[in-house]
């Protein structure tokens, strides 16, 4: 399982029980556009810091057209932004081989992959 920051996981925005953990704290779930705004803000802060990040979107939470649309919009914006590098599955495999990392492990039909599906890095 990836050690993802809560603000990078869709549950953080969509479930009432996580509302009090958000910054600023809330009392209700966030709408899809709120998730998009928060992720775009997080990307800007990550680029400024020269860092990397990943996002987690659960298929079971993408249960409305609006939720699917914001994921598409986020991915479109990330791939269109020249300051952002997004790793495709093919590139992740190459990075894994170059770094000497072992291949992902299979556990009961699940793939445990320590490399995030989307890594973003500010370009210099």
C-alpha atoms as a PDB file:
ATOM      1  CA  UNK A   1       0.000   0.000   0.000  1.00  0.00           C
ATOM      2  CA  UNK A   2       1.299   3.458  -0.874  1.00  0.00           C
ATOM      3  CA  UNK A   3       1.985   5.932   1.902  1.00  0.00           C
ATOM      4  CA  UNK A   4      -0.226   8.604   0.353  1.00  0.00           C
ATOM      5  CA  UNK A   5      -0.969  11.897   2.045  1.00  0.00           C
ATOM      6  CA  UNK A   6      -4.659  12.189   2.903  1.00  0.00           C
ATOM      7  CA  UNK A   7      -5.107  15.277   0.739  1.00  0.00           C
ATOM      8  CA  UNK A   8      -4.144  13.163  -2.307  1.00  0.00           C
ATOM      9  CA  UNK A   9      -6.898  10.574  -1.760  1.00  0.00           C
ATOM     10  CA  UNK A  10     -10.476  11.058  -2.984  1.00  0.00           C
ATOM     11  CA  UNK A  11     -11.961   9.723   0.280  1.00  0.00           C
ATOM     12  CA  UNK A  12     -10.563  12.768   2.082  1.00  0.00           C
ATOM     13  CA  UNK A  13     -12.991  14.964   0.131  1.00  0.00           C
ATOM     14  CA  UNK A  14     -15.973  12.703  -0.480  1.00  0.00           C
ATOM     15  CA  UNK A  15     -16.615  11.096   2.937  1.00  0.00           C
ATOM     16  CA  UNK A  16     -18.202  13.029   5.821  1.00  0.00           C
ATOM     17  CA  UNK A  17     -16.047  11.245   8.418  1.00  0.00           C
ATOM     18  CA  UNK A  18     -12.909  12.889   6.952  1.00  0.00           C
ATOM     19  CA  UNK A  19     -14.386  16.402   6.765  1.00  0.00           C
ATOM     20  CA  UNK A  20     -12.922  17.448  10.122  1.00  0.00           C
ATOM     21  CA  UNK A  21      -9.426  16.406   8.969  1.00  0.00           C
ATOM     22  CA  UNK A  22      -9.399  18.754   5.982  1.00  0.00           C
ATOM     23  CA  UNK A  23      -7.639  22.108   6.060  1.00  0.00           C
ATOM     24  CA  UNK A  24      -9.630  24.152   6.754  1.00  0.00           C
ATOM     25  CA  UNK A  25     -11.852  21.666   8.584  1.00  0.00           C
ATOM     26  CA  UNK A  26     -15.280  21.042   7.131  1.00  0.00           C
ATOM     27  CA  UNK A  27     -18.494  19.377   8.180  1.00  0.00           C
ATOM     28  CA  UNK A  28     -19.735  18.008   4.858  1.00  0.00           C
ATOM     29  CA  UNK A  29     -18.247  16.244   1.837  1.00  0.00           C
ATOM     30  CA  UNK A  30     -16.676  18.352  -0.888  1.00  0.00           C
ATOM     31  CA  UNK A  31     -18.210  18.458  -4.348  1.00  0.00           C
ATOM     32  CA  UNK A  32     -16.122  17.214  -7.297  1.00  0.00           C
ATOM     33  CA  UNK A  33     -15.098  20.755  -8.323  1.00  0.00           C
ATOM     34  CA  UNK A  34     -13.788  21.282  -4.780  1.00  0.00           C
ATOM     35  CA  UNK A  35     -11.651  18.162  -5.112  1.00  0.00           C
ATOM     36  CA  UNK A  36     -10.306  19.462  -8.442  1.00  0.00           C
ATOM     37  CA  UNK A  37      -9.489  22.870  -6.964  1.00  0.00           C
ATOM     38  CA  UNK A  38      -7.720  21.271  -3.994  1.00  0.00           C
ATOM     39  CA  UNK A  39      -5.679  18.942  -6.217  1.00  0.00           C
ATOM     40  CA  UNK A  40      -4.674  21.762  -8.567  1.00  0.00           C
ATOM     41  CA  UNK A  41      -3.606  23.865  -5.575  1.00  0.00           C
ATOM     42  CA  UNK A  42      -1.619  20.900  -4.258  1.00  0.00           C
ATOM     43  CA  UNK A  43       0.085  20.500  -7.659  1.00  0.00           C
ATOM     44  CA  UNK A  44       1.082  24.178  -7.657  1.00  0.00           C
ATOM     45  CA  UNK A  45       2.588  23.879  -4.168  1.00  0.00           C
ATOM     46  CA  UNK A  46       4.393  20.680  -5.191  1.00  0.00           C
ATOM     47  CA  UNK A  47       5.870  22.316  -8.299  1.00  0.00           C
ATOM     48  CA  UNK A  48       7.011  25.322  -6.264  1.00  0.00           C
ATOM     49  CA  UNK A  49       8.710  22.996  -3.781  1.00  0.00           C
ATOM     50  CA  UNK A  50      10.271  20.908  -6.583  1.00  0.00           C
ATOM     51  CA  UNK A  51       8.619  17.800  -5.177  1.00  0.00           C
ATOM     52  CA  UNK A  52       6.578  14.887  -6.447  1.00  0.00           C
ATOM     53  CA  UNK A  53       3.116  13.622  -5.657  1.00  0.00           C
ATOM     54  CA  UNK A  54       0.510  11.055  -6.593  1.00  0.00           C
ATOM     55  CA  UNK A  55      -3.272  10.923  -6.410  1.00  0.00           C
ATOM     56  CA  UNK A  56      -5.572   8.068  -5.467  1.00  0.00           C
ATOM     57  CA  UNK A  57      -8.982   7.757  -7.110  1.00  0.00           C
ATOM     58  CA  UNK A  58     -11.081   4.774  -6.089  1.00  0.00           C
ATOM     59  CA  UNK A  59     -13.225   3.325  -8.864  1.00  0.00           C
ATOM     60  CA  UNK A  60     -16.088   2.826  -6.414  1.00  0.00           C
ATOM     61  CA  UNK A  61     -16.026   6.564  -5.533  1.00  0.00           C
ATOM     62  CA  UNK A  62     -16.134   7.637  -9.181  1.00  0.00           C
ATOM     63  CA  UNK A  63     -19.832   6.910  -9.260  1.00  0.00           C
ATOM     64  CA  UNK A  64     -21.139  10.077 -10.915  1.00  0.00           C
ATOM     65  CA  UNK A  65     -20.318  11.740 -14.236  1.00  0.00           C
ATOM     66  CA  UNK A  66     -19.114  14.841 -12.377  1.00  0.00           C
ATOM     67  CA  UNK A  67     -16.559  12.835 -10.367  1.00  0.00           C
ATOM     68  CA  UNK A  68     -15.243  11.175 -13.527  1.00  0.00           C
ATOM     69  CA  UNK A  69     -15.090  14.539 -15.319  1.00  0.00           C
ATOM     70  CA  UNK A  70     -12.888  16.156 -12.660  1.00  0.00           C
ATOM     71  CA  UNK A  71     -10.423  13.259 -12.880  1.00  0.00           C
ATOM     72  CA  UNK A  72     -10.287  13.715 -16.657  1.00  0.00           C
ATOM     73  CA  UNK A  73      -9.842  17.456 -16.262  1.00  0.00           C
ATOM     74  CA  UNK A  74      -7.070  17.038 -13.680  1.00  0.00           C
ATOM     75  CA  UNK A  75      -5.226  14.585 -15.931  1.00  0.00           C
ATOM     76  CA  UNK A  76      -5.675  16.866 -18.950  1.00  0.00           C
ATOM     77  CA  UNK A  77      -4.283  19.828 -17.041  1.00  0.00           C
ATOM     78  CA  UNK A  78      -1.343  17.836 -15.714  1.00  0.00           C
ATOM     79  CA  UNK A  79      -0.402  16.408 -19.100  1.00  0.00           C
ATOM     80  CA  UNK A  80      -0.773  19.843 -20.778  1.00  0.00           C
ATOM     81  CA  UNK A  81       1.363  21.658 -18.180  1.00  0.00           C
ATOM     82  CA  UNK A  82       5.001  21.856 -19.356  1.00  0.00           C
ATOM     83  CA  UNK A  83       6.158  22.129 -15.729  1.00  0.00           C
ATOM     84  CA  UNK A  84       4.759  18.677 -14.896  1.00  0.00           C
ATOM     85  CA  UNK A  85       6.120  15.275 -15.753  1.00  0.00           C
ATOM     86  CA  UNK A  86       3.639  12.397 -15.509  1.00  0.00           C
ATOM     87  CA  UNK A  87       4.904   8.841 -15.470  1.00  0.00           C
ATOM     88  CA  UNK A  88       3.079   6.395 -17.698  1.00  0.00           C
ATOM     89  CA  UNK A  89       3.052   2.698 -16.750  1.00  0.00           C
ATOM     90  CA  UNK A  90       5.789   2.094 -19.349  1.00  0.00           C
ATOM     91  CA  UNK A  91       7.981   4.861 -17.900  1.00  0.00           C
ATOM     92  CA  UNK A  92       7.383   3.564 -14.367  1.00  0.00           C
ATOM     93  CA  UNK A  93       8.704   0.170 -15.461  1.00  0.00           C
ATOM     94  CA  UNK A  94      11.800   1.773 -16.969  1.00  0.00           C
ATOM     95  CA  UNK A  95      12.370   3.878 -13.831  1.00  0.00           C
ATOM     96  CA  UNK A  96      12.006   0.763 -11.690  1.00  0.00           C
ATOM     97  CA  UNK A  97      14.609  -1.125 -13.745  1.00  0.00           C
ATOM     98  CA  UNK A  98      17.014   1.834 -13.759  1.00  0.00           C
ATOM     99  CA  UNK A  99      16.697   2.253  -9.998  1.00  0.00           C
ATOM    100  CA  UNK A 100      17.218  -1.462  -9.346  1.00  0.00           C
ATOM    101  CA  UNK A 101      13.790  -1.830  -7.726  1.00  0.00           C
ATOM    102  CA  UNK A 102      12.154  -5.247  -7.778  1.00  0.00           C
ATOM    103  CA  UNK A 103       9.032  -5.833  -9.887  1.00  0.00           C
ATOM    104  CA  UNK A 104       5.639  -5.385  -8.184  1.00  0.00           C
ATOM    105  CA  UNK A 105       4.526  -8.249  -5.932  1.00  0.00           C
ATOM    106  CA  UNK A 106       1.271 -10.094  -6.498  1.00  0.00           C
ATOM    107  CA  UNK A 107      -0.745 -10.882  -3.395  1.00  0.00           C
ATOM    108  CA  UNK A 108      -4.047 -12.719  -3.754  1.00  0.00           C
ATOM    109  CA  UNK A 109      -4.576 -11.308  -7.227  1.00  0.00           C
ATOM    110  CA  UNK A 110      -3.666  -7.730  -6.209  1.00  0.00           C
ATOM    111  CA  UNK A 111      -0.568  -5.917  -7.406  1.00  0.00           C
ATOM    112  CA  UNK A 112       1.355  -4.132  -4.685  1.00  0.00           C
ATOM    113  CA  UNK A 113       3.265  -1.430  -6.535  1.00  0.00           C
ATOM    114  CA  UNK A 114       5.333   1.043  -4.515  1.00  0.00           C
ATOM    115  CA  UNK A 115       5.554   3.403  -7.523  1.00  0.00           C
ATOM    116  CA  UNK A 116       2.588   5.798  -7.785  1.00  0.00           C
ATOM    117  CA  UNK A 117       0.558   5.738 -10.980  1.00  0.00           C
ATOM    118  CA  UNK A 118       1.136   9.431 -11.541  1.00  0.00           C
ATOM    119  CA  UNK A 119       4.258  11.186 -10.355  1.00  0.00           C
ATOM    120  CA  UNK A 120       4.625  14.891 -10.903  1.00  0.00           C
ATOM    121  CA  UNK A 121       7.748  16.929 -10.582  1.00  0.00           C
ATOM    122  CA  UNK A 122       8.449  20.590 -11.147  1.00  0.00           C
ATOM    123  CA  UNK A 123      10.820  21.076 -14.055  1.00  0.00           C
ATOM    124  CA  UNK A 124      13.858  23.300 -13.732  1.00  0.00           C
END
